[in-house]
Amino acid sequence: MDGEPICGGIGSAKDVEAELKEWVKGFKSEVEVFAGETFDKKFEPVKYRSQIVAGTNYWFKVDVGDGKYIHVKMFEPLPYTNEPGEVESVEKGKTLEDPL
């Protein structure tokens, strides 16, 4: 098994591909609202896990600079719904080594 998620199961942590990075970066201001702070130094998704449900749940590890990381949970609805993705939660105080 190569770490790809199965329906309902959560895949293993993987590096974030360019297209997915840009998608997450598009939600930076929403993430900042959830976190209650701005991330001016850096906002770079580095790892993620996903779970296929009626859409896709994502958990991202985001490098926010100075050796600090946050975990961001997001949901991407199925394409036919024409609904936008959304930020569901943000956990601050994470490190590179903390599991997603």
PDB file of N, CA and C in Angstrom:
ATOM      1  N   MET A   1       0.861  -1.185   0.000  1.00  0.00           N
ATOM      2  CA  MET A   1       0.000   0.000   0.000  1.00  0.00           C
ATOM      3  C   MET A   1       0.898   1.236   0.000  1.00  0.00           C
ATOM      4  N   ASP A   2       0.580   2.224  -0.779  1.00  0.00           N
ATOM      5  CA  ASP A   2       1.459   3.377  -0.936  1.00  0.00           C
ATOM      6  C   ASP A   2       1.041   4.589  -0.123  1.00  0.00           C
ATOM      7  N   GLY A   3       0.164   4.448   0.846  1.00  0.00           N
ATOM      8  CA  GLY A   3      -0.235   5.573   1.673  1.00  0.00           C
ATOM      9  C   GLY A   3      -1.427   6.343   1.144  1.00  0.00           C
ATOM     10  N   GLU A   4      -1.983   5.917  -0.009  1.00  0.00           N
ATOM     11  CA  GLU A   4      -3.165   6.581  -0.542  1.00  0.00           C
ATOM     12  C   GLU A   4      -4.346   6.273   0.370  1.00  0.00           C
ATOM     13  N   PRO A   5      -5.184   7.275   0.650  1.00  0.00           N
ATOM     14  CA  PRO A   5      -6.323   7.020   1.520  1.00  0.00           C
ATOM     15  C   PRO A   5      -7.369   6.156   0.828  1.00  0.00           C
ATOM     16  N   ILE A   6      -8.056   5.360   1.619  1.00  0.00           N
ATOM     17  CA  ILE A   6      -9.202   4.631   1.110  1.00  0.00           C
ATOM     18  C   ILE A   6     -10.430   5.330   1.660  1.00  0.00           C
ATOM     19  N   CYS A   7     -11.559   5.127   1.058  1.00  0.00           N
ATOM     20  CA  CYS A   7     -12.771   5.816   1.483  1.00  0.00           C
ATOM     21  C   CYS A   7     -12.991   5.618   2.977  1.00  0.00           C
ATOM     22  N   GLY A   8     -13.021   6.723   3.715  1.00  0.00           N
ATOM     23  CA  GLY A   8     -13.222   6.682   5.155  1.00  0.00           C
ATOM     24  C   GLY A   8     -11.942   6.558   5.949  1.00  0.00           C
ATOM     25  N   GLY A   9     -10.890   5.997   5.350  1.00  0.00           N
ATOM     26  CA  GLY A   9      -9.616   5.847   6.045  1.00  0.00           C
ATOM     27  C   GLY A   9      -8.762   7.096   5.892  1.00  0.00           C
ATOM     28  N   ILE A  10      -7.842   7.307   6.820  1.00  0.00           N
ATOM     29  CA  ILE A  10      -6.955   8.463   6.756  1.00  0.00           C
ATOM     30  C   ILE A  10      -5.599   7.998   6.244  1.00  0.00           C
ATOM     31  N   GLY A  11      -5.129   8.627   5.171  1.00  0.00           N
ATOM     32  CA  GLY A  11      -3.843   8.275   4.577  1.00  0.00           C
ATOM     33  C   GLY A  11      -2.681   8.706   5.455  1.00  0.00           C
ATOM     34  N   SER A  12      -1.515   8.192   5.147  1.00  0.00           N
ATOM     35  CA  SER A  12      -0.307   8.567   5.879  1.00  0.00           C
ATOM     36  C   SER A  12       0.143   9.962   5.444  1.00  0.00           C
ATOM     37  N   ALA A  13       0.999  10.596   6.262  1.00  0.00           N
ATOM     38  CA  ALA A  13       1.482  11.946   5.968  1.00  0.00           C
ATOM     39  C   ALA A  13       2.357  11.929   4.719  1.00  0.00           C
ATOM     40  N   LYS A  14       2.128  12.916   3.852  1.00  0.00           N
ATOM     41  CA  LYS A  14       2.886  13.035   2.603  1.00  0.00           C
ATOM     42  C   LYS A  14       3.309  14.485   2.415  1.00  0.00           C
ATOM     43  N   ASP A  15       4.305  14.692   1.540  1.00  0.00           N
ATOM     44  CA  ASP A  15       4.696  16.047   1.163  1.00  0.00           C
ATOM     45  C   ASP A  15       3.569  16.669   0.359  1.00  0.00           C
ATOM     46  N   VAL A  16       3.411  17.983   0.484  1.00  0.00           N
ATOM     47  CA  VAL A  16       2.340  18.689  -0.206  1.00  0.00           C
ATOM     48  C   VAL A  16       2.784  19.066  -1.615  1.00  0.00           C
ATOM     49  N   GLU A  17       2.018  18.647  -2.619  1.00  0.00           N
ATOM     50  CA  GLU A  17       2.312  18.982  -4.011  1.00  0.00           C
ATOM     51  C   GLU A  17       1.985  20.450  -4.271  1.00  0.00           C
ATOM     52  N   ALA A  18       2.566  21.007  -5.339  1.00  0.00           N
ATOM     53  CA  ALA A  18       2.443  22.431  -5.661  1.00  0.00           C
ATOM     54  C   ALA A  18       0.991  22.900  -5.761  1.00  0.00           C
ATOM     55  N   GLU A  19       0.148  22.165  -6.474  1.00  0.00           N
ATOM     56  CA  GLU A  19      -1.249  22.587  -6.666  1.00  0.00           C
ATOM     57  C   GLU A  19      -1.997  22.643  -5.338  1.00  0.00           C
ATOM     58  N   LEU A  20      -1.782  21.654  -4.490  1.00  0.00           N
ATOM     59  CA  LEU A  20      -2.436  21.613  -3.182  1.00  0.00           C
ATOM     60  C   LEU A  20      -1.901  22.727  -2.278  1.00  0.00           C
ATOM     61  N   LYS A  21      -0.592  23.023  -2.369  1.00  0.00           N
ATOM     62  CA  LYS A  21      -0.009  24.138  -1.604  1.00  0.00           C
ATOM     63  C   LYS A  21      -0.709  25.443  -1.933  1.00  0.00           C
ATOM     64  N   GLU A  22      -0.910  25.689  -3.219  1.00  0.00           N
ATOM     65  CA  GLU A  22      -1.556  26.934  -3.640  1.00  0.00           C
ATOM     66  C   GLU A  22      -2.997  26.998  -3.155  1.00  0.00           C
ATOM     67  N   TRP A  23      -3.696  25.866  -3.152  1.00  0.00           N
ATOM     68  CA  TRP A  23      -5.067  25.815  -2.654  1.00  0.00           C
ATOM     69  C   TRP A  23      -5.103  26.227  -1.191  1.00  0.00           C
ATOM     70  N   VAL A  24      -4.209  25.654  -0.377  1.00  0.00           N
ATOM     71  CA  VAL A  24      -4.157  25.980   1.054  1.00  0.00           C
ATOM     72  C   VAL A  24      -3.786  27.444   1.261  1.00  0.00           C
ATOM     73  N   LYS A  25      -2.801  27.930   0.524  1.00  0.00           N
ATOM     74  CA  LYS A  25      -2.367  29.324   0.674  1.00  0.00           C
ATOM     75  C   LYS A  25      -3.510  30.297   0.381  1.00  0.00           C
ATOM     76  N   GLY A  26      -4.448  29.890  -0.449  1.00  0.00           N
ATOM     77  CA  GLY A  26      -5.611  30.719  -0.742  1.00  0.00           C
ATOM     78  C   GLY A  26      -6.518  30.925   0.466  1.00  0.00           C
ATOM     79  N   PHE A  27      -6.335  30.122   1.501  1.00  0.00           N
ATOM     80  CA  PHE A  27      -7.125  30.216   2.726  1.00  0.00           C
ATOM     81  C   PHE A  27      -6.348  30.850   3.875  1.00  0.00           C
ATOM     82  N   LYS A  28      -5.198  31.454   3.571  1.00  0.00           N
ATOM     83  CA  LYS A  28      -4.329  32.017   4.621  1.00  0.00           C
ATOM     84  C   LYS A  28      -5.076  32.980   5.537  1.00  0.00           C
ATOM     85  N   SER A  29      -5.851  33.902   4.984  1.00  0.00           N
ATOM     86  CA  SER A  29      -6.547  34.878   5.834  1.00  0.00           C
ATOM     87  C   SER A  29      -7.570  34.199   6.743  1.00  0.00           C
ATOM     88  N   GLU A  30      -8.249  33.154   6.249  1.00  0.00           N
ATOM     89  CA  GLU A  30      -9.185  32.400   7.084  1.00  0.00           C
ATOM     90  C   GLU A  30      -8.453  31.678   8.214  1.00  0.00           C
ATOM     91  N   VAL A  31      -7.304  31.091   7.878  1.00  0.00           N
ATOM     92  CA  VAL A  31      -6.496  30.401   8.888  1.00  0.00           C
ATOM     93  C   VAL A  31      -6.061  31.390   9.962  1.00  0.00           C
ATOM     94  N   GLU A  32      -5.669  32.590   9.551  1.00  0.00           N
ATOM     95  CA  GLU A  32      -5.244  33.612  10.512  1.00  0.00           C
ATOM     96  C   GLU A  32      -6.382  34.003  11.451  1.00  0.00           C
ATOM     97  N   VAL A  33      -7.607  34.066  10.946  1.00  0.00           N
ATOM     98  CA  VAL A  33      -8.760  34.366  11.796  1.00  0.00           C
ATOM     99  C   VAL A  33      -8.935  33.258  12.838  1.00  0.00           C
ATOM    100  N   PHE A  34      -8.878  32.003  12.403  1.00  0.00           N
ATOM    101  CA  PHE A  34      -9.009  30.875  13.324  1.00  0.00           C
ATOM    102  C   PHE A  34      -7.900  30.899  14.376  1.00  0.00           C
ATOM    103  N   ALA A  35      -6.678  31.240  13.952  1.00  0.00           N
ATOM    104  CA  ALA A  35      -5.526  31.226  14.854  1.00  0.00           C
ATOM    105  C   ALA A  35      -5.471  32.457  15.753  1.00  0.00           C
ATOM    106  N   GLY A  36      -6.140  33.530  15.340  1.00  0.00           N
ATOM    107  CA  GLY A  36      -6.098  34.758  16.112  1.00  0.00           C
ATOM    108  C   GLY A  36      -4.783  35.497  15.987  1.00  0.00           C
ATOM    109  N   GLU A  37      -4.062  35.267  14.897  1.00  0.00           N
ATOM    110  CA  GLU A  37      -2.805  35.966  14.632  1.00  0.00           C
ATOM    111  C   GLU A  37      -2.498  35.925  13.146  1.00  0.00           C
ATOM    112  N   THR A  38      -1.579  36.802  12.732  1.00  0.00           N
ATOM    113  CA  THR A  38      -1.171  36.814  11.323  1.00  0.00           C
ATOM    114  C   THR A  38       0.158  36.101  11.181  1.00  0.00           C
ATOM    115  N   PHE A  39       0.364  35.536  10.022  1.00  0.00           N
ATOM    116  CA  PHE A  39       1.592  34.802   9.724  1.00  0.00           C
ATOM    117  C   PHE A  39       2.323  35.534   8.603  1.00  0.00           C
ATOM    118  N   ASP A  40       3.006  36.611   8.964  1.00  0.00           N
ATOM    119  CA  ASP A  40       3.681  37.463   7.994  1.00  0.00           C
ATOM    120  C   ASP A  40       5.029  36.920   7.525  1.00  0.00           C
ATOM    121  N   LYS A  41       5.708  36.134   8.384  1.00  0.00           N
ATOM    122  CA  LYS A  41       7.051  35.657   8.029  1.00  0.00           C
ATOM    123  C   LYS A  41       7.001  34.531   7.002  1.00  0.00           C
ATOM    124  N   LYS A  42       6.073  33.618   7.198  1.00  0.00           N
ATOM    125  CA  LYS A  42       6.024  32.441   6.335  1.00  0.00           C
ATOM    126  C   LYS A  42       4.665  31.770   6.482  1.00  0.00           C
ATOM    127  N   PHE A  43       4.213  31.131   5.415  1.00  0.00           N
ATOM    128  CA  PHE A  43       2.986  30.323   5.439  1.00  0.00           C
ATOM    129  C   PHE A  43       3.148  29.274   4.352  1.00  0.00           C
ATOM    130  N   GLU A  44       3.809  28.175   4.710  1.00  0.00           N
ATOM    131  CA  GLU A  44       4.188  27.155   3.727  1.00  0.00           C
ATOM    132  C   GLU A  44       3.718  25.769   4.165  1.00  0.00           C
ATOM    133  N   PRO A  45       2.659  25.230   3.526  1.00  0.00           N
ATOM    134  CA  PRO A  45       2.236  23.861   3.825  1.00  0.00           C
ATOM    135  C   PRO A  45       3.360  22.882   3.466  1.00  0.00           C
ATOM    136  N   VAL A  46       3.704  21.980   4.402  1.00  0.00           N
ATOM    137  CA  VAL A  46       4.818  21.061   4.154  1.00  0.00           C
ATOM    138  C   VAL A  46       4.412  19.585   4.149  1.00  0.00           C
ATOM    139  N   LYS A  47       3.417  19.214   4.930  1.00  0.00           N
ATOM    140  CA  LYS A  47       2.951  17.822   4.997  1.00  0.00           C
ATOM    141  C   LYS A  47       1.433  17.823   5.079  1.00  0.00           C
ATOM    142  N   TYR A  48       0.835  16.719   4.664  1.00  0.00           N
ATOM    143  CA  TYR A  48      -0.614  16.595   4.808  1.00  0.00           C
ATOM    144  C   TYR A  48      -1.034  15.145   4.897  1.00  0.00           C
ATOM    145  N   ARG A  49      -2.225  14.964   5.438  1.00  0.00           N
ATOM    146  CA  ARG A  49      -2.918  13.682   5.435  1.00  0.00           C
ATOM    147  C   ARG A  49      -4.312  13.971   4.897  1.00  0.00           C
ATOM    148  N   SER A  50      -4.952  12.959   4.351  1.00  0.00           N
ATOM    149  CA  SER A  50      -6.297  13.176   3.825  1.00  0.00           C
ATOM    150  C   SER A  50      -7.193  11.990   4.129  1.00  0.00           C
ATOM    151  N   GLN A  51      -8.494  12.276   4.105  1.00  0.00           N
ATOM    152  CA  GLN A  51      -9.515  11.265   4.346  1.00  0.00           C
ATOM    153  C   GLN A  51     -10.644  11.533   3.357  1.00  0.00           C
ATOM    154  N   ILE A  52     -10.958  10.534   2.560  1.00  0.00           N
ATOM    155  CA  ILE A  52     -12.035  10.674   1.577  1.00  0.00           C
ATOM    156  C   ILE A  52     -13.353  10.317   2.250  1.00  0.00           C
ATOM    157  N   VAL A  53     -14.258  11.283   2.236  1.00  0.00           N
ATOM    158  CA  VAL A  53     -15.606  11.101   2.774  1.00  0.00           C
ATOM    159  C   VAL A  53     -16.543  11.608   1.670  1.00  0.00           C
ATOM    160  N   ALA A  54     -17.572  12.360   1.986  1.00  0.00           N
ATOM    161  CA  ALA A  54     -18.398  12.993   0.950  1.00  0.00           C
ATOM    162  C   ALA A  54     -17.686  14.295   0.580  1.00  0.00           C
ATOM    163  N   GLY A  55     -16.504  14.148   0.033  1.00  0.00           N
ATOM    164  CA  GLY A  55     -15.547  15.219  -0.206  1.00  0.00           C
ATOM    165  C   GLY A  55     -14.226  14.731   0.383  1.00  0.00           C
ATOM    166  N   THR A  56     -13.346  15.643   0.751  1.00  0.00           N
ATOM    167  CA  THR A  56     -12.066  15.238   1.327  1.00  0.00           C
ATOM    168  C   THR A  56     -11.739  16.091   2.542  1.00  0.00           C
ATOM    169  N   ASN A  57     -11.429  15.421   3.657  1.00  0.00           N
ATOM    170  CA  ASN A  57     -10.885  16.089   4.830  1.00  0.00           C
ATOM    171  C   ASN A  57      -9.374  16.117   4.666  1.00  0.00           C
ATOM    172  N   TYR A  58      -8.767  17.256   4.977  1.00  0.00           N
ATOM    173  CA  TYR A  58      -7.315  17.395   4.934  1.00  0.00           C
ATOM    174  C   TYR A  58      -6.815  17.894   6.269  1.00  0.00           C
ATOM    175  N   TRP A  59      -5.653  17.398   6.659  1.00  0.00           N
ATOM    176  CA  TRP A  59      -4.915  17.916   7.796  1.00  0.00           C
ATOM    177  C   TRP A  59      -3.556  18.342   7.260  1.00  0.00           C
ATOM    178  N   PHE A  60      -3.227  19.630   7.419  1.00  0.00           N
ATOM    179  CA  PHE A  60      -1.974  20.171   6.903  1.00  0.00           C
ATOM    180  C   PHE A  60      -1.063  20.610   8.037  1.00  0.00           C
ATOM    181  N   LYS A  61       0.219  20.347   7.877  1.00  0.00           N
ATOM    182  CA  LYS A  61       1.252  20.918   8.746  1.00  0.00           C
ATOM    183  C   LYS A  61       1.801  22.104   7.965  1.00  0.00           C
ATOM    184  N   VAL A  62       1.708  23.306   8.567  1.00  0.00           N
ATOM    185  CA  VAL A  62       2.109  24.530   7.885  1.00  0.00           C
ATOM    186  C   VAL A  62       3.250  25.189   8.650  1.00  0.00           C
ATOM    187  N   ASP A  63       4.343  25.455   7.936  1.00  0.00           N
ATOM    188  CA  ASP A  63       5.497  26.166   8.492  1.00  0.00           C
ATOM    189  C   ASP A  63       5.155  27.653   8.503  1.00  0.00           C
ATOM    190  N   VAL A  64       5.136  28.266   9.706  1.00  0.00           N
ATOM    191  CA  VAL A  64       4.813  29.690   9.816  1.00  0.00           C
ATOM    192  C   VAL A  64       6.037  30.509  10.219  1.00  0.00           C
ATOM    193  N   GLY A  65       7.230  29.932  10.093  1.00  0.00           N
ATOM    194  CA  GLY A  65       8.482  30.651  10.337  1.00  0.00           C
ATOM    195  C   GLY A  65       8.993  30.506  11.759  1.00  0.00           C
ATOM    196  N   ASP A  66      10.256  30.803  11.920  1.00  0.00           N
ATOM    197  CA  ASP A  66      10.932  30.747  13.227  1.00  0.00           C
ATOM    198  C   ASP A  66      10.812  29.385  13.900  1.00  0.00           C
ATOM    199  N   GLY A  67      10.783  28.316  13.103  1.00  0.00           N
ATOM    200  CA  GLY A  67      10.685  26.964  13.660  1.00  0.00           C
ATOM    201  C   GLY A  67       9.314  26.622  14.218  1.00  0.00           C
ATOM    202  N   LYS A  68       8.309  27.438  13.923  1.00  0.00           N
ATOM    203  CA  LYS A  68       6.949  27.213  14.422  1.00  0.00           C
ATOM    204  C   LYS A  68       6.074  26.626  13.320  1.00  0.00           C
ATOM    205  N   TYR A  69       5.162  25.766  13.745  1.00  0.00           N
ATOM    206  CA  TYR A  69       4.243  25.108  12.823  1.00  0.00           C
ATOM    207  C   TYR A  69       2.835  25.165  13.390  1.00  0.00           C
ATOM    208  N   ILE A  70       1.871  25.100  12.503  1.00  0.00           N
ATOM    209  CA  ILE A  70       0.471  24.964  12.896  1.00  0.00           C
ATOM    210  C   ILE A  70      -0.108  23.771  12.150  1.00  0.00           C
ATOM    211  N   HIS A  71      -1.180  23.213  12.690  1.00  0.00           N
ATOM    212  CA  HIS A  71      -1.923  22.158  12.006  1.00  0.00           C
ATOM    213  C   HIS A  71      -3.263  22.751  11.615  1.00  0.00           C
ATOM    214  N   VAL A  72      -3.624  22.585  10.354  1.00  0.00           N
ATOM    215  CA  VAL A  72      -4.856  23.147   9.821  1.00  0.00           C
ATOM    216  C   VAL A  72      -5.716  22.013   9.277  1.00  0.00           C
ATOM    217  N   LYS A  73      -6.956  21.923   9.762  1.00  0.00           N
ATOM    218  CA  LYS A  73      -7.902  20.948   9.220  1.00  0.00           C
ATOM    219  C   LYS A  73      -8.806  21.681   8.253  1.00  0.00           C
ATOM    220  N   MET A  74      -8.944  21.124   7.039  1.00  0.00           N
ATOM    221  CA  MET A  74      -9.762  21.729   6.001  1.00  0.00           C
ATOM    222  C   MET A  74     -10.665  20.674   5.375  1.00  0.00           C
ATOM    223  N   PHE A  75     -11.719  21.140   4.734  1.00  0.00           N
ATOM    224  CA  PHE A  75     -12.628  20.246   4.028  1.00  0.00           C
ATOM    225  C   PHE A  75     -12.819  20.759   2.607  1.00  0.00           C
ATOM    226  N   GLU A  76     -12.714  19.853   1.655  1.00  0.00           N
ATOM    227  CA  GLU A  76     -12.976  20.167   0.247  1.00  0.00           C
ATOM    228  C   GLU A  76     -14.176  19.338  -0.205  1.00  0.00           C
ATOM    229  N   PRO A  77     -15.319  20.003  -0.481  1.00  0.00           N
ATOM    230  CA  PRO A  77     -16.508  19.276  -0.924  1.00  0.00           C
ATOM    231  C   PRO A  77     -16.297  18.629  -2.296  1.00  0.00           C
ATOM    232  N   LEU A  78     -17.161  17.704  -2.635  1.00  0.00           N
ATOM    233  CA  LEU A  78     -17.114  17.091  -3.961  1.00  0.00           C
ATOM    234  C   LEU A  78     -17.334  18.164  -5.023  1.00  0.00           C
ATOM    235  N   PRO A  79     -16.664  18.041  -6.174  1.00  0.00           N
ATOM    236  CA  PRO A  79     -16.741  19.074  -7.212  1.00  0.00           C
ATOM    237  C   PRO A  79     -18.158  19.412  -7.679  1.00  0.00           C
ATOM    238  N   TYR A  80     -19.022  18.421  -7.793  1.00  0.00           N
ATOM    239  CA  TYR A  80     -20.359  18.686  -8.341  1.00  0.00           C
ATOM    240  C   TYR A  80     -21.194  19.601  -7.446  1.00  0.00           C
ATOM    241  N   THR A  81     -20.808  19.765  -6.176  1.00  0.00           N
ATOM    242  CA  THR A  81     -21.578  20.614  -5.263  1.00  0.00           C
ATOM    243  C   THR A  81     -21.353  22.100  -5.526  1.00  0.00           C
ATOM    244  N   ASN A  82     -20.247  22.420  -6.212  1.00  0.00           N
ATOM    245  CA  ASN A  82     -19.865  23.815  -6.467  1.00  0.00           C
ATOM    246  C   ASN A  82     -19.703  24.621  -5.188  1.00  0.00           C
ATOM    247  N   GLU A  83     -19.462  23.946  -4.074  1.00  0.00           N
ATOM    248  CA  GLU A  83     -19.229  24.608  -2.788  1.00  0.00           C
ATOM    249  C   GLU A  83     -17.732  24.847  -2.620  1.00  0.00           C
ATOM    250  N   PRO A  84     -17.361  25.955  -1.961  1.00  0.00           N
ATOM    251  CA  PRO A  84     -15.937  26.209  -1.738  1.00  0.00           C
ATOM    252  C   PRO A  84     -15.393  25.340  -0.602  1.00  0.00           C
ATOM    253  N   GLY A  85     -14.079  25.195  -0.564  1.00  0.00           N
ATOM    254  CA  GLY A  85     -13.444  24.524   0.565  1.00  0.00           C
ATOM    255  C   GLY A  85     -13.571  25.396   1.795  1.00  0.00           C
ATOM    256  N   GLU A  86     -13.248  24.807   2.963  1.00  0.00           N
ATOM    257  CA  GLU A  86     -13.345  25.592   4.185  1.00  0.00           C
ATOM    258  C   GLU A  86     -12.333  25.133   5.227  1.00  0.00           C
ATOM    259  N   VAL A  87     -11.927  26.084   6.045  1.00  0.00           N
ATOM    260  CA  VAL A  87     -11.061  25.793   7.184  1.00  0.00           C
ATOM    261  C   VAL A  87     -11.971  25.353   8.322  1.00  0.00           C
ATOM    262  N   GLU A  88     -11.631  24.226   8.961  1.00  0.00           N
ATOM    263  CA  GLU A  88     -12.450  23.737  10.062  1.00  0.00           C
ATOM    264  C   GLU A  88     -11.810  23.985  11.420  1.00  0.00           C
ATOM    265  N   SER A  89     -10.475  23.941  11.493  1.00  0.00           N
ATOM    266  CA  SER A  89      -9.807  24.199  12.763  1.00  0.00           C
ATOM    267  C   SER A  89      -8.330  24.480  12.541  1.00  0.00           C
ATOM    268  N   VAL A  90      -7.723  25.119  13.538  1.00  0.00           N
ATOM    269  CA  VAL A  90      -6.290  25.424  13.522  1.00  0.00           C
ATOM    270  C   VAL A  90      -5.733  25.115  14.905  1.00  0.00           C
ATOM    271  N   GLU A  91      -4.625  24.377  14.943  1.00  0.00           N
ATOM    272  CA  GLU A  91      -3.927  24.097  16.190  1.00  0.00           C
ATOM    273  C   GLU A  91      -2.566  24.762  16.130  1.00  0.00           C
ATOM    274  N   LYS A  92      -2.288  25.615  17.103  1.00  0.00           N
ATOM    275  CA  LYS A  92      -1.003  26.319  17.145  1.00  0.00           C
ATOM    276  C   LYS A  92      -0.036  25.581  18.062  1.00  0.00           C
ATOM    277  N   GLY A  93       1.215  26.047  18.082  1.00  0.00           N
ATOM    278  CA  GLY A  93       2.210  25.491  18.988  1.00  0.00           C
ATOM    279  C   GLY A  93       2.725  24.123  18.574  1.00  0.00           C
ATOM    280  N   LYS A  94       2.740  23.837  17.312  1.00  0.00           N
ATOM    281  CA  LYS A  94       3.207  22.541  16.806  1.00  0.00           C
ATOM    282  C   LYS A  94       4.661  22.635  16.359  1.00  0.00           C
ATOM    283  N   THR A  95       5.305  21.481  16.238  1.00  0.00           N
ATOM    284  CA  THR A  95       6.674  21.404  15.746  1.00  0.00           C
ATOM    285  C   THR A  95       6.678  20.540  14.491  1.00  0.00           C
ATOM    286  N   LEU A  96       7.806  20.530  13.801  1.00  0.00           N
ATOM    287  CA  LEU A  96       7.941  19.693  12.610  1.00  0.00           C
ATOM    288  C   LEU A  96       7.733  18.222  12.960  1.00  0.00           C
ATOM    289  N   GLU A  97       8.153  17.822  14.146  1.00  0.00           N
ATOM    290  CA  GLU A  97       8.081  16.417  14.551  1.00  0.00           C
ATOM    291  C   GLU A  97       6.705  15.974  15.026  1.00  0.00           C
ATOM    292  N   ASP A  98       5.833  16.906  15.404  1.00  0.00           N
ATOM    293  CA  ASP A  98       4.503  16.523  15.893  1.00  0.00           C
ATOM    294  C   ASP A  98       3.722  15.801  14.795  1.00  0.00           C
ATOM    295  N   PRO A  99       3.102  14.664  15.137  1.00  0.00           N
ATOM    296  CA  PRO A  99       2.320  13.951  14.119  1.00  0.00           C
ATOM    297  C   PRO A  99       1.054  14.733  13.767  1.00  0.00           C
ATOM    298  N   LEU A 100       0.636  14.597  12.513  1.00  0.00           N
ATOM    299  CA  LEU A 100      -0.606  15.232  12.062  1.00  0.00           C
ATOM    300  C   LEU A 100      -1.797  14.455  12.577  1.00  0.00           C
TER     301      LEU A 100
END
